[in-house]
Amino acid sequence: MMRMSTDTTTLMGRSEERGRPFPLWVERLLLVGAAVIFVLYREPVSGIVDHAVVGSLVAYAVFPLTLLACVEILGRVLQGSLRS
């Protein structure tokens, strides 16, 4: 019978050590902040573009995706700076 090892290794055979856990509430707070920014600024963003269809597309597709990308990048930067 084969026994499972308790060592943590990757597919490449490197061993990994556990670092300090990252507080996930920080990323959740950033996501809630992005949702609030979207709700508050979707109409001004839509008004920037002087076209009904394109303005709606920018306000309801491009703007939230941009906010989400910013939250993701900021979360990764925070994870990198807060790790041990």
Protein backbone atom coordinates (compact mmCIF):
# COMPACT_ATOMS: atom_id res chain seq x y z
CA MET A 1 0.00 0.00 0.00
CA MET A 2 1.29 3.51 -0.91
CA ARG A 3 1.34 6.18 1.74
CA MET A 4 0.64 9.80 0.94
CA SER A 5 3.40 12.17 1.91
CA THR A 6 2.59 15.17 4.08
CA ASP A 7 5.15 17.33 2.25
CA THR A 8 3.64 19.98 0.02
CA THR A 9 5.18 19.88 -3.44
CA THR A 10 4.24 21.35 -6.78
CA LEU A 11 3.98 19.54 -10.09
CA MET A 12 7.56 20.62 -10.78
CA GLY A 13 8.75 18.95 -7.57
CA ARG A 14 9.43 22.14 -5.61
CA SER A 15 8.50 22.13 -1.97
CA GLU A 16 6.39 25.00 -0.69
CA GLU A 17 6.15 26.55 2.71
CA ARG A 18 3.05 28.10 4.17
CA GLY A 19 3.29 31.85 4.60
CA ARG A 20 1.15 34.18 6.61
CA PRO A 21 -2.52 33.93 5.63
CA PHE A 22 -3.78 36.89 3.62
CA PRO A 23 -6.85 38.61 5.09
CA LEU A 24 -9.55 38.06 2.47
CA TRP A 25 -11.72 40.78 3.96
CA VAL A 26 -9.40 43.31 2.28
CA GLU A 27 -10.28 42.03 -1.19
CA ARG A 28 -13.96 41.84 -0.30
CA LEU A 29 -13.86 45.43 0.88
CA LEU A 30 -12.21 46.47 -2.40
CA LEU A 31 -14.91 44.64 -4.37
CA VAL A 32 -17.71 46.31 -2.40
CA GLY A 33 -15.98 49.65 -2.99
CA ALA A 34 -15.90 48.98 -6.73
CA ALA A 35 -19.61 48.12 -6.69
CA VAL A 36 -20.38 51.37 -4.88
CA ILE A 37 -18.27 53.34 -7.37
CA PHE A 38 -20.14 51.66 -10.23
CA VAL A 39 -23.55 52.53 -8.76
CA LEU A 40 -22.56 56.14 -8.10
CA TYR A 41 -20.74 56.85 -11.39
CA ARG A 42 -22.50 54.79 -14.08
CA GLU A 43 -24.67 57.69 -15.22
CA PRO A 44 -21.81 60.22 -15.49
CA VAL A 45 -19.74 57.62 -17.38
CA SER A 46 -22.66 57.03 -19.72
CA GLY A 47 -23.00 60.79 -20.25
CA ILE A 48 -19.36 61.15 -21.27
CA VAL A 49 -20.08 59.31 -24.51
CA ASP A 50 -22.63 61.22 -26.64
CA HIS A 51 -24.21 58.12 -28.14
CA ALA A 52 -27.10 56.20 -26.57
CA VAL A 53 -25.96 52.67 -27.42
CA VAL A 54 -22.22 53.20 -27.07
CA GLY A 55 -22.71 55.20 -23.85
CA SER A 56 -24.74 52.37 -22.33
CA LEU A 57 -22.18 49.83 -23.50
CA VAL A 58 -19.36 51.80 -21.91
CA ALA A 59 -21.31 52.42 -18.68
CA TYR A 60 -22.61 48.87 -18.21
CA ALA A 61 -19.84 46.74 -19.72
CA VAL A 62 -16.51 48.53 -20.02
CA PHE A 63 -16.71 50.55 -16.79
CA PRO A 64 -17.51 47.60 -14.45
CA LEU A 65 -14.91 45.39 -16.13
CA THR A 66 -12.32 48.13 -15.71
CA LEU A 67 -13.25 48.49 -12.04
CA LEU A 68 -13.01 44.73 -11.58
CA ALA A 69 -9.59 44.65 -13.25
CA CYS A 70 -8.38 47.46 -10.99
CA VAL A 71 -9.63 45.60 -7.90
CA GLU A 72 -7.87 42.43 -9.05
CA ILE A 73 -4.58 44.22 -9.71
CA LEU A 74 -4.75 46.07 -6.39
CA GLY A 75 -5.55 42.82 -4.59
CA ARG A 76 -2.55 41.09 -6.12
CA VAL A 77 -0.28 44.01 -5.24
CA LEU A 78 -1.53 43.89 -1.66
CA GLN A 79 -1.05 40.13 -1.50
CA GLY A 80 2.51 40.52 -2.72
CA SER A 81 3.33 43.26 -0.26
CA LEU A 82 1.67 41.61 2.75
CA ARG A 83 3.12 38.14 2.33
CA SER A 84 5.87 37.00 4.61
